[in-house]
Amino acid sequence: MAGDAHYAEALALGASLAAKGLAVCSGGYGGVMEAVSRGVKESGGRTLAVTAEFFKSRANRWVEEEIRVRTWQERLFELIERGHGYVACPGGTGTLVELAVVWEMLNKGAMKRKPLVVLGDFWQPIIERVREVELGHASCWGERDEPLVHRVSSPADAAEYLAAYFQTHARHADASARESSPR
Protein backbone atom coordinates (compact mmCIF):
# COMPACT_ATOMS: atom_id res chain seq x y z
CA MET A 1 0.00 0.00 0.00
CA ALA A 2 1.27 3.47 -0.81
CA GLY A 3 3.02 5.00 2.19
CA ASP A 4 4.28 1.60 3.42
CA ALA A 5 8.08 1.17 3.67
CA HIS A 6 8.08 -1.91 1.40
CA TYR A 7 5.96 -0.03 -1.17
CA ALA A 8 8.40 2.88 -1.13
CA GLU A 9 11.36 0.52 -1.51
CA ALA A 10 9.70 -1.26 -4.47
CA LEU A 11 8.85 2.11 -6.06
CA ALA A 12 12.55 3.04 -5.81
CA LEU A 13 13.51 -0.38 -7.21
CA GLY A 14 11.32 0.18 -10.27
CA ALA A 15 12.82 3.62 -10.85
CA SER A 16 16.37 2.25 -10.44
CA LEU A 17 15.75 -0.62 -12.86
CA ALA A 18 14.23 1.72 -15.44
CA ALA A 19 17.19 4.09 -15.08
CA LYS A 20 19.47 1.17 -16.06
CA GLY A 21 17.30 0.50 -19.13
CA LEU A 22 15.82 -2.72 -17.76
CA ALA A 23 12.23 -3.73 -18.51
CA VAL A 24 10.34 -5.20 -15.56
CA CYS A 25 7.97 -8.15 -15.52
CA SER A 26 6.08 -8.73 -12.29
CA GLY A 27 3.06 -10.59 -11.03
CA GLY A 28 1.15 -7.42 -11.84
CA TYR A 29 -1.24 -7.11 -8.94
CA GLY A 30 -1.16 -4.68 -5.97
CA GLY A 31 1.29 -3.91 -3.19
CA VAL A 32 4.96 -4.36 -4.05
CA MET A 33 4.10 -5.52 -7.60
CA GLU A 34 2.17 -2.31 -8.17
CA ALA A 35 4.92 -0.20 -6.64
CA VAL A 36 7.71 -1.63 -8.79
CA SER A 37 5.54 -1.25 -11.92
CA ARG A 38 4.71 2.34 -10.95
CA GLY A 39 8.38 3.15 -10.33
CA VAL A 40 9.29 1.80 -13.76
CA LYS A 41 6.47 3.63 -15.60
CA GLU A 42 7.05 6.95 -13.83
CA SER A 43 10.71 6.67 -14.87
CA GLY A 44 9.88 6.00 -18.51
CA GLY A 45 10.54 2.25 -18.48
CA ARG A 46 8.64 -0.74 -19.83
CA THR A 47 6.38 -2.90 -17.64
CA LEU A 48 4.90 -6.31 -18.21
CA ALA A 49 2.84 -8.48 -15.90
CA VAL A 50 1.85 -12.11 -15.83
CA THR A 51 -1.56 -12.57 -14.25
CA ALA A 52 -3.77 -15.63 -13.83
CA GLU A 53 -7.48 -16.15 -14.36
CA PHE A 54 -7.33 -18.12 -11.09
CA PHE A 55 -6.95 -14.85 -9.13
CA LYS A 56 -9.81 -13.06 -10.93
CA SER A 57 -8.04 -9.67 -10.70
CA ARG A 58 -6.41 -7.87 -13.61
CA ALA A 59 -3.05 -6.12 -13.75
CA ASN A 60 -2.53 -2.84 -11.93
CA ARG A 61 -2.79 0.43 -13.88
CA TRP A 62 1.00 0.82 -14.20
CA VAL A 63 1.37 -2.29 -16.37
CA GLU A 64 1.49 -1.67 -20.11
CA GLU A 65 1.40 -5.31 -21.25
CA GLU A 66 -0.51 -8.04 -19.44
CA ILE A 67 0.15 -11.69 -20.21
CA ARG A 68 -2.86 -13.64 -18.96
CA VAL A 69 -2.60 -17.35 -18.16
CA ARG A 70 -5.11 -19.77 -16.72
CA THR A 71 -3.59 -21.12 -13.50
CA TRP A 72 -1.35 -20.02 -10.65
CA GLN A 73 1.24 -22.61 -11.68
CA GLU A 74 1.30 -21.38 -15.28
CA ARG A 75 1.78 -17.85 -13.95
CA LEU A 76 4.74 -18.90 -11.81
CA PHE A 77 6.56 -20.62 -14.66
CA GLU A 78 5.72 -17.88 -17.18
CA LEU A 79 7.28 -15.31 -14.83
CA ILE A 80 10.38 -17.49 -14.46
CA GLU A 81 10.65 -18.13 -18.20
CA ARG A 82 10.34 -14.45 -19.10
CA GLY A 83 12.94 -13.36 -16.54
CA HIS A 84 16.53 -12.68 -17.48
CA GLY A 85 17.18 -11.94 -13.82
CA TYR A 86 15.14 -11.82 -10.62
CA VAL A 87 14.74 -9.56 -7.60
CA ALA A 88 12.90 -10.85 -4.54
CA CYS A 89 11.50 -8.04 -2.42
CA PRO A 90 10.17 -8.66 1.08
CA GLY A 91 6.90 -10.52 0.73
CA GLY A 92 4.73 -13.44 1.70
CA THR A 93 4.30 -17.04 0.69
CA GLY A 94 3.91 -16.23 -3.01
CA THR A 95 7.29 -14.50 -3.09
CA LEU A 96 8.80 -17.32 -1.04
CA VAL A 97 7.59 -19.88 -3.60
CA GLU A 98 8.98 -17.81 -6.48
CA LEU A 99 12.33 -17.38 -4.73
CA ALA A 100 12.53 -21.09 -3.88
CA VAL A 101 11.60 -22.31 -7.37
CA VAL A 102 14.07 -20.02 -9.15
CA TRP A 103 16.80 -20.91 -6.64
CA GLU A 104 16.12 -24.64 -7.07
CA MET A 105 16.06 -24.42 -10.86
CA LEU A 106 19.41 -22.61 -10.82
CA ASN A 107 20.73 -25.01 -8.22
CA LYS A 108 19.85 -28.12 -10.20
CA GLY A 109 20.80 -26.68 -13.60
CA ALA A 110 17.19 -26.75 -14.83
CA MET A 111 17.78 -23.35 -16.45
CA LYS A 112 20.82 -21.41 -17.54
CA ARG A 113 22.57 -19.25 -14.98
CA LYS A 114 20.70 -16.00 -14.29
CA PRO A 115 21.11 -13.43 -11.52
CA LEU A 116 18.90 -13.88 -8.45
CA VAL A 117 18.89 -10.97 -6.02
CA VAL A 118 17.18 -10.52 -2.67
CA LEU A 119 16.58 -6.97 -1.50
CA GLY A 120 17.52 -6.29 2.11
CA ASP A 121 17.71 -8.69 5.04
CA PHE A 122 14.12 -10.00 4.95
CA TRP A 123 14.95 -13.36 3.30
CA GLN A 124 18.40 -13.75 4.86
CA PRO A 125 17.45 -16.12 7.73
CA ILE A 126 15.78 -18.51 5.26
CA ILE A 127 18.67 -18.36 2.81
CA GLU A 128 21.23 -18.98 5.55
CA ARG A 129 19.29 -21.96 6.91
CA VAL A 130 18.87 -23.55 3.48
CA ARG A 131 22.56 -23.07 2.71
CA GLU A 132 23.46 -24.59 6.07
CA VAL A 133 21.38 -27.71 5.35
CA GLU A 134 22.30 -28.06 1.66
CA LEU A 135 26.02 -27.47 2.01
CA GLY A 136 26.14 -30.04 4.80
CA HIS A 137 25.29 -32.77 2.29
CA ALA A 138 27.78 -34.45 -0.01
CA SER A 139 26.04 -33.36 -3.20
CA CYS A 140 26.97 -31.40 -6.27
CA TRP A 141 25.00 -28.38 -5.20
CA GLY A 142 25.10 -25.30 -7.43
CA GLU A 143 26.14 -22.93 -4.64
CA ARG A 144 29.23 -24.85 -3.65
CA ASP A 145 31.47 -22.70 -5.90
CA GLU A 146 29.55 -19.42 -6.02
CA PRO A 147 26.37 -18.20 -4.30
CA LEU A 148 23.29 -18.34 -6.51
CA VAL A 149 21.39 -15.82 -4.37
CA HIS A 150 22.98 -12.40 -4.06
CA ARG A 151 21.84 -10.02 -1.29
CA VAL A 152 21.81 -6.29 -1.88
CA SER A 153 20.98 -3.57 0.61
CA SER A 154 19.20 -1.05 -1.62
CA PRO A 155 17.11 -0.76 -4.78
CA ALA A 156 19.97 1.10 -6.50
CA ASP A 157 22.35 -1.75 -5.58
CA ALA A 158 19.92 -4.29 -7.09
CA ALA A 159 19.73 -2.37 -10.36
CA GLU A 160 23.49 -1.89 -10.45
CA TYR A 161 24.13 -5.59 -9.80
CA LEU A 162 21.75 -6.70 -12.55
CA ALA A 163 23.05 -4.16 -15.08
CA ALA A 164 26.66 -5.16 -14.39
CA TYR A 165 25.76 -8.85 -14.64
CA PHE A 166 24.05 -8.38 -18.02
CA GLN A 167 26.86 -6.20 -19.33
CA THR A 168 29.54 -8.71 -18.30
CA HIS A 169 27.65 -11.66 -19.74
CA ALA A 170 26.91 -9.80 -22.98
CA ARG A 171 30.66 -9.18 -23.41
CA HIS A 172 31.40 -12.87 -22.77
CA ALA A 173 28.71 -13.93 -25.27
CA ASP A 174 30.11 -11.54 -27.90
CA ALA A 175 33.65 -12.85 -27.34
CA SER A 176 32.47 -16.47 -27.59
CA ALA A 177 30.57 -15.72 -30.79
CA ARG A 178 33.67 -14.11 -32.33
CA GLU A 179 35.85 -17.06 -31.31
CA SER A 180 33.46 -19.62 -32.81
CA SER A 181 32.90 -17.68 -36.06
CA PRO A 182 34.48 -19.18 -39.21
CA ARG A 183 37.53 -17.22 -40.30
C-alpha atoms as a PDB file:
ATOM      1  CA  MET A   1       0.000   0.000   0.000  1.00  0.00           C
ATOM      2  CA  ALA A   2       1.267   3.474  -0.812  1.00  0.00           C
ATOM      3  CA  GLY A   3       3.022   4.996   2.187  1.00  0.00           C
ATOM      4  CA  ASP A   4       4.278   1.604   3.423  1.00  0.00           C
ATOM      5  CA  ALA A   5       8.081   1.173   3.675  1.00  0.00           C
ATOM      6  CA  HIS A   6       8.076  -1.909   1.396  1.00  0.00           C
ATOM      7  CA  TYR A   7       5.956  -0.032  -1.165  1.00  0.00           C
ATOM      8  CA  ALA A   8       8.400   2.883  -1.130  1.00  0.00           C
ATOM      9  CA  GLU A   9      11.357   0.523  -1.506  1.00  0.00           C
ATOM     10  CA  ALA A  10       9.701  -1.259  -4.472  1.00  0.00           C
ATOM     11  CA  LEU A  11       8.853   2.111  -6.056  1.00  0.00           C
ATOM     12  CA  ALA A  12      12.551   3.043  -5.814  1.00  0.00           C
ATOM     13  CA  LEU A  13      13.507  -0.383  -7.208  1.00  0.00           C
ATOM     14  CA  GLY A  14      11.319   0.180 -10.265  1.00  0.00           C
ATOM     15  CA  ALA A  15      12.821   3.620 -10.855  1.00  0.00           C
ATOM     16  CA  SER A  16      16.368   2.249 -10.438  1.00  0.00           C
ATOM     17  CA  LEU A  17      15.751  -0.624 -12.857  1.00  0.00           C
ATOM     18  CA  ALA A  18      14.228   1.715 -15.442  1.00  0.00           C
ATOM     19  CA  ALA A  19      17.194   4.093 -15.079  1.00  0.00           C
ATOM     20  CA  LYS A  20      19.465   1.173 -16.063  1.00  0.00           C
ATOM     21  CA  GLY A  21      17.303   0.500 -19.133  1.00  0.00           C
ATOM     22  CA  LEU A  22      15.818  -2.717 -17.759  1.00  0.00           C
ATOM     23  CA  ALA A  23      12.231  -3.732 -18.506  1.00  0.00           C
ATOM     24  CA  VAL A  24      10.335  -5.202 -15.563  1.00  0.00           C
ATOM     25  CA  CYS A  25       7.969  -8.150 -15.523  1.00  0.00           C
ATOM     26  CA  SER A  26       6.078  -8.728 -12.285  1.00  0.00           C
ATOM     27  CA  GLY A  27       3.061 -10.594 -11.032  1.00  0.00           C
ATOM     28  CA  GLY A  28       1.148  -7.424 -11.844  1.00  0.00           C
ATOM     29  CA  TYR A  29      -1.236  -7.106  -8.937  1.00  0.00           C
ATOM     30  CA  GLY A  30      -1.165  -4.684  -5.969  1.00  0.00           C
ATOM     31  CA  GLY A  31       1.286  -3.915  -3.186  1.00  0.00           C
ATOM     32  CA  VAL A  32       4.956  -4.365  -4.049  1.00  0.00           C
ATOM     33  CA  MET A  33       4.098  -5.521  -7.598  1.00  0.00           C
ATOM     34  CA  GLU A  34       2.175  -2.308  -8.167  1.00  0.00           C
ATOM     35  CA  ALA A  35       4.924  -0.199  -6.638  1.00  0.00           C
ATOM     36  CA  VAL A  36       7.709  -1.626  -8.791  1.00  0.00           C
ATOM     37  CA  SER A  37       5.544  -1.247 -11.917  1.00  0.00           C
ATOM     38  CA  ARG A  38       4.706   2.340 -10.951  1.00  0.00           C
ATOM     39  CA  GLY A  39       8.381   3.148 -10.325  1.00  0.00           C
ATOM     40  CA  VAL A  40       9.290   1.801 -13.760  1.00  0.00           C
ATOM     41  CA  LYS A  41       6.468   3.628 -15.601  1.00  0.00           C
ATOM     42  CA  GLU A  42       7.045   6.952 -13.830  1.00  0.00           C
ATOM     43  CA  SER A  43      10.708   6.672 -14.872  1.00  0.00           C
ATOM     44  CA  GLY A  44       9.880   5.997 -18.514  1.00  0.00           C
ATOM     45  CA  GLY A  45      10.541   2.250 -18.479  1.00  0.00           C
ATOM     46  CA  ARG A  46       8.640  -0.737 -19.833  1.00  0.00           C
ATOM     47  CA  THR A  47       6.378  -2.895 -17.643  1.00  0.00           C
ATOM     48  CA  LEU A  48       4.902  -6.313 -18.209  1.00  0.00           C
ATOM     49  CA  ALA A  49       2.844  -8.476 -15.902  1.00  0.00           C
ATOM     50  CA  VAL A  50       1.845 -12.110 -15.828  1.00  0.00           C
ATOM     51  CA  THR A  51      -1.563 -12.573 -14.249  1.00  0.00           C
ATOM     52  CA  ALA A  52      -3.771 -15.630 -13.833  1.00  0.00           C
ATOM     53  CA  GLU A  53      -7.482 -16.155 -14.357  1.00  0.00           C
ATOM     54  CA  PHE A  54      -7.330 -18.121 -11.093  1.00  0.00           C
ATOM     55  CA  PHE A  55      -6.953 -14.853  -9.126  1.00  0.00           C
ATOM     56  CA  LYS A  56      -9.814 -13.060 -10.933  1.00  0.00           C
ATOM     57  CA  SER A  57      -8.042  -9.667 -10.695  1.00  0.00           C
ATOM     58  CA  ARG A  58      -6.413  -7.873 -13.608  1.00  0.00           C
ATOM     59  CA  ALA A  59      -3.051  -6.120 -13.746  1.00  0.00           C
ATOM     60  CA  ASN A  60      -2.533  -2.837 -11.926  1.00  0.00           C
ATOM     61  CA  ARG A  61      -2.785   0.426 -13.879  1.00  0.00           C
ATOM     62  CA  TRP A  62       1.004   0.819 -14.199  1.00  0.00           C
ATOM     63  CA  VAL A  63       1.367  -2.288 -16.368  1.00  0.00           C
ATOM     64  CA  GLU A  64       1.492  -1.672 -20.107  1.00  0.00           C
ATOM     65  CA  GLU A  65       1.403  -5.315 -21.248  1.00  0.00           C
ATOM     66  CA  GLU A  66      -0.507  -8.044 -19.435  1.00  0.00           C
ATOM     67  CA  ILE A  67       0.148 -11.694 -20.207  1.00  0.00           C
ATOM     68  CA  ARG A  68      -2.864 -13.641 -18.958  1.00  0.00           C
ATOM     69  CA  VAL A  69      -2.598 -17.352 -18.158  1.00  0.00           C
ATOM     70  CA  ARG A  70      -5.109 -19.768 -16.721  1.00  0.00           C
ATOM     71  CA  THR A  71      -3.588 -21.123 -13.498  1.00  0.00           C
ATOM     72  CA  TRP A  72      -1.353 -20.024 -10.645  1.00  0.00           C
ATOM     73  CA  GLN A  73       1.241 -22.614 -11.679  1.00  0.00           C
ATOM     74  CA  GLU A  74       1.303 -21.375 -15.279  1.00  0.00           C
ATOM     75  CA  ARG A  75       1.784 -17.851 -13.948  1.00  0.00           C
ATOM     76  CA  LEU A  76       4.743 -18.905 -11.811  1.00  0.00           C
ATOM     77  CA  PHE A  77       6.564 -20.617 -14.659  1.00  0.00           C
ATOM     78  CA  GLU A  78       5.722 -17.878 -17.182  1.00  0.00           C
ATOM     79  CA  LEU A  79       7.283 -15.313 -14.833  1.00  0.00           C
ATOM     80  CA  ILE A  80      10.378 -17.493 -14.464  1.00  0.00           C
ATOM     81  CA  GLU A  81      10.655 -18.130 -18.197  1.00  0.00           C
ATOM     82  CA  ARG A  82      10.340 -14.447 -19.100  1.00  0.00           C
ATOM     83  CA  GLY A  83      12.935 -13.358 -16.538  1.00  0.00           C
ATOM     84  CA  HIS A  84      16.531 -12.682 -17.481  1.00  0.00           C
ATOM     85  CA  GLY A  85      17.175 -11.939 -13.816  1.00  0.00           C
ATOM     86  CA  TYR A  86      15.136 -11.824 -10.618  1.00  0.00           C
ATOM     87  CA  VAL A  87      14.738  -9.560  -7.599  1.00  0.00           C
ATOM     88  CA  ALA A  88      12.895 -10.846  -4.536  1.00  0.00           C
ATOM     89  CA  CYS A  89      11.502  -8.043  -2.416  1.00  0.00           C
ATOM     90  CA  PRO A  90      10.171  -8.655   1.083  1.00  0.00           C
ATOM     91  CA  GLY A  91       6.896 -10.517   0.729  1.00  0.00           C
ATOM     92  CA  GLY A  92       4.727 -13.436   1.699  1.00  0.00           C
ATOM     93  CA  THR A  93       4.300 -17.037   0.692  1.00  0.00           C
ATOM     94  CA  GLY A  94       3.913 -16.232  -3.011  1.00  0.00           C
ATOM     95  CA  THR A  95       7.291 -14.499  -3.087  1.00  0.00           C
ATOM     96  CA  LEU A  96       8.796 -17.321  -1.039  1.00  0.00           C
ATOM     97  CA  VAL A  97       7.587 -19.876  -3.601  1.00  0.00           C
ATOM     98  CA  GLU A  98       8.979 -17.811  -6.480  1.00  0.00           C
ATOM     99  CA  LEU A  99      12.334 -17.378  -4.729  1.00  0.00           C
ATOM    100  CA  ALA A 100      12.532 -21.094  -3.876  1.00  0.00           C
ATOM    101  CA  VAL A 101      11.602 -22.309  -7.367  1.00  0.00           C
ATOM    102  CA  VAL A 102      14.074 -20.016  -9.151  1.00  0.00           C
ATOM    103  CA  TRP A 103      16.796 -20.910  -6.642  1.00  0.00           C
ATOM    104  CA  GLU A 104      16.124 -24.639  -7.067  1.00  0.00           C
ATOM    105  CA  MET A 105      16.063 -24.422 -10.865  1.00  0.00           C
ATOM    106  CA  LEU A 106      19.410 -22.609 -10.821  1.00  0.00           C
ATOM    107  CA  ASN A 107      20.734 -25.011  -8.223  1.00  0.00           C
ATOM    108  CA  LYS A 108      19.847 -28.117 -10.203  1.00  0.00           C
ATOM    109  CA  GLY A 109      20.801 -26.678 -13.597  1.00  0.00           C
ATOM    110  CA  ALA A 110      17.190 -26.746 -14.827  1.00  0.00           C
ATOM    111  CA  MET A 111      17.778 -23.348 -16.446  1.00  0.00           C
ATOM    112  CA  LYS A 112      20.818 -21.406 -17.544  1.00  0.00           C
ATOM    113  CA  ARG A 113      22.574 -19.250 -14.977  1.00  0.00           C
ATOM    114  CA  LYS A 114      20.698 -15.996 -14.287  1.00  0.00           C
ATOM    115  CA  PRO A 115      21.109 -13.429 -11.518  1.00  0.00           C
ATOM    116  CA  LEU A 116      18.902 -13.884  -8.451  1.00  0.00           C
ATOM    117  CA  VAL A 117      18.893 -10.970  -6.025  1.00  0.00           C
ATOM    118  CA  VAL A 118      17.180 -10.523  -2.669  1.00  0.00           C
ATOM    119  CA  LEU A 119      16.583  -6.973  -1.503  1.00  0.00           C
ATOM    120  CA  GLY A 120      17.521  -6.291   2.114  1.00  0.00           C
ATOM    121  CA  ASP A 121      17.710  -8.692   5.036  1.00  0.00           C
ATOM    122  CA  PHE A 122      14.122  -9.998   4.952  1.00  0.00           C
ATOM    123  CA  TRP A 123      14.952 -13.356   3.296  1.00  0.00           C
ATOM    124  CA  GLN A 124      18.404 -13.747   4.855  1.00  0.00           C
ATOM    125  CA  PRO A 125      17.447 -16.122   7.729  1.00  0.00           C
ATOM    126  CA  ILE A 126      15.782 -18.512   5.258  1.00  0.00           C
ATOM    127  CA  ILE A 127      18.674 -18.357   2.809  1.00  0.00           C
ATOM    128  CA  GLU A 128      21.232 -18.981   5.554  1.00  0.00           C
ATOM    129  CA  ARG A 129      19.291 -21.958   6.915  1.00  0.00           C
ATOM    130  CA  VAL A 130      18.875 -23.552   3.477  1.00  0.00           C
ATOM    131  CA  ARG A 131      22.562 -23.068   2.714  1.00  0.00           C
ATOM    132  CA  GLU A 132      23.463 -24.588   6.070  1.00  0.00           C
ATOM    133  CA  VAL A 133      21.377 -27.707   5.353  1.00  0.00           C
ATOM    134  CA  GLU A 134      22.297 -28.065   1.661  1.00  0.00           C
ATOM    135  CA  LEU A 135      26.025 -27.474   2.008  1.00  0.00           C
ATOM    136  CA  GLY A 136      26.141 -30.045   4.802  1.00  0.00           C
ATOM    137  CA  HIS A 137      25.285 -32.774   2.286  1.00  0.00           C
ATOM    138  CA  ALA A 138      27.778 -34.452  -0.013  1.00  0.00           C
ATOM    139  CA  SER A 139      26.035 -33.364  -3.199  1.00  0.00           C
ATOM    140  CA  CYS A 140      26.972 -31.398  -6.273  1.00  0.00           C
ATOM    141  CA  TRP A 141      25.004 -28.376  -5.197  1.00  0.00           C
ATOM    142  CA  GLY A 142      25.096 -25.298  -7.429  1.00  0.00           C
ATOM    143  CA  GLU A 143      26.141 -22.926  -4.644  1.00  0.00           C
ATOM    144  CA  ARG A 144      29.234 -24.854  -3.650  1.00  0.00           C
ATOM    145  CA  ASP A 145      31.473 -22.696  -5.898  1.00  0.00           C
ATOM    146  CA  GLU A 146      29.550 -19.422  -6.016  1.00  0.00           C
ATOM    147  CA  PRO A 147      26.371 -18.197  -4.300  1.00  0.00           C
ATOM    148  CA  LEU A 148      23.291 -18.339  -6.514  1.00  0.00           C
ATOM    149  CA  VAL A 149      21.387 -15.823  -4.369  1.00  0.00           C
ATOM    150  CA  HIS A 150      22.984 -12.401  -4.064  1.00  0.00           C
ATOM    151  CA  ARG A 151      21.841 -10.023  -1.293  1.00  0.00           C
ATOM    152  CA  VAL A 152      21.812  -6.288  -1.877  1.00  0.00           C
ATOM    153  CA  SER A 153      20.983  -3.566   0.607  1.00  0.00           C
ATOM    154  CA  SER A 154      19.197  -1.046  -1.616  1.00  0.00           C
ATOM    155  CA  PRO A 155      17.109  -0.758  -4.779  1.00  0.00           C
ATOM    156  CA  ALA A 156      19.967   1.099  -6.500  1.00  0.00           C
ATOM    157  CA  ASP A 157      22.346  -1.751  -5.581  1.00  0.00           C
ATOM    158  CA  ALA A 158      19.924  -4.295  -7.085  1.00  0.00           C
ATOM    159  CA  ALA A 159      19.726  -2.374 -10.360  1.00  0.00           C
ATOM    160  CA  GLU A 160      23.491  -1.886 -10.450  1.00  0.00           C
ATOM    161  CA  TYR A 161      24.133  -5.587  -9.797  1.00  0.00           C
ATOM    162  CA  LEU A 162      21.747  -6.695 -12.550  1.00  0.00           C
ATOM    163  CA  ALA A 163      23.047  -4.159 -15.083  1.00  0.00           C
ATOM    164  CA  ALA A 164      26.660  -5.160 -14.385  1.00  0.00           C
ATOM    165  CA  TYR A 165      25.762  -8.849 -14.645  1.00  0.00           C
ATOM    166  CA  PHE A 166      24.054  -8.377 -18.016  1.00  0.00           C
ATOM    167  CA  GLN A 167      26.862  -6.195 -19.334  1.00  0.00           C
ATOM    168  CA  THR A 168      29.537  -8.712 -18.299  1.00  0.00           C
ATOM    169  CA  HIS A 169      27.646 -11.658 -19.738  1.00  0.00           C
ATOM    170  CA  ALA A 170      26.912  -9.801 -22.985  1.00  0.00           C
ATOM    171  CA  ARG A 171      30.656  -9.184 -23.408  1.00  0.00           C
ATOM    172  CA  HIS A 172      31.400 -12.870 -22.773  1.00  0.00           C
ATOM    173  CA  ALA A 173      28.715 -13.930 -25.267  1.00  0.00           C
ATOM    174  CA  ASP A 174      30.111 -11.536 -27.901  1.00  0.00           C
ATOM    175  CA  ALA A 175      33.654 -12.849 -27.342  1.00  0.00           C
ATOM    176  CA  SER A 176      32.474 -16.474 -27.590  1.00  0.00           C
ATOM    177  CA  ALA A 177      30.568 -15.722 -30.793  1.00  0.00           C
ATOM    178  CA  ARG A 178      33.665 -14.109 -32.334  1.00  0.00           C
ATOM    179  CA  GLU A 179      35.847 -17.061 -31.312  1.00  0.00           C
ATOM    180  CA  SER A 180      33.464 -19.622 -32.808  1.00  0.00           C
ATOM    181  CA  SER A 181      32.895 -17.682 -36.060  1.00  0.00           C
ATOM    182  CA  PRO A 182      34.475 -19.176 -39.206  1.00  0.00           C
ATOM    183  CA  ARG A 183      37.525 -17.224 -40.300  1.00  0.00           C
END
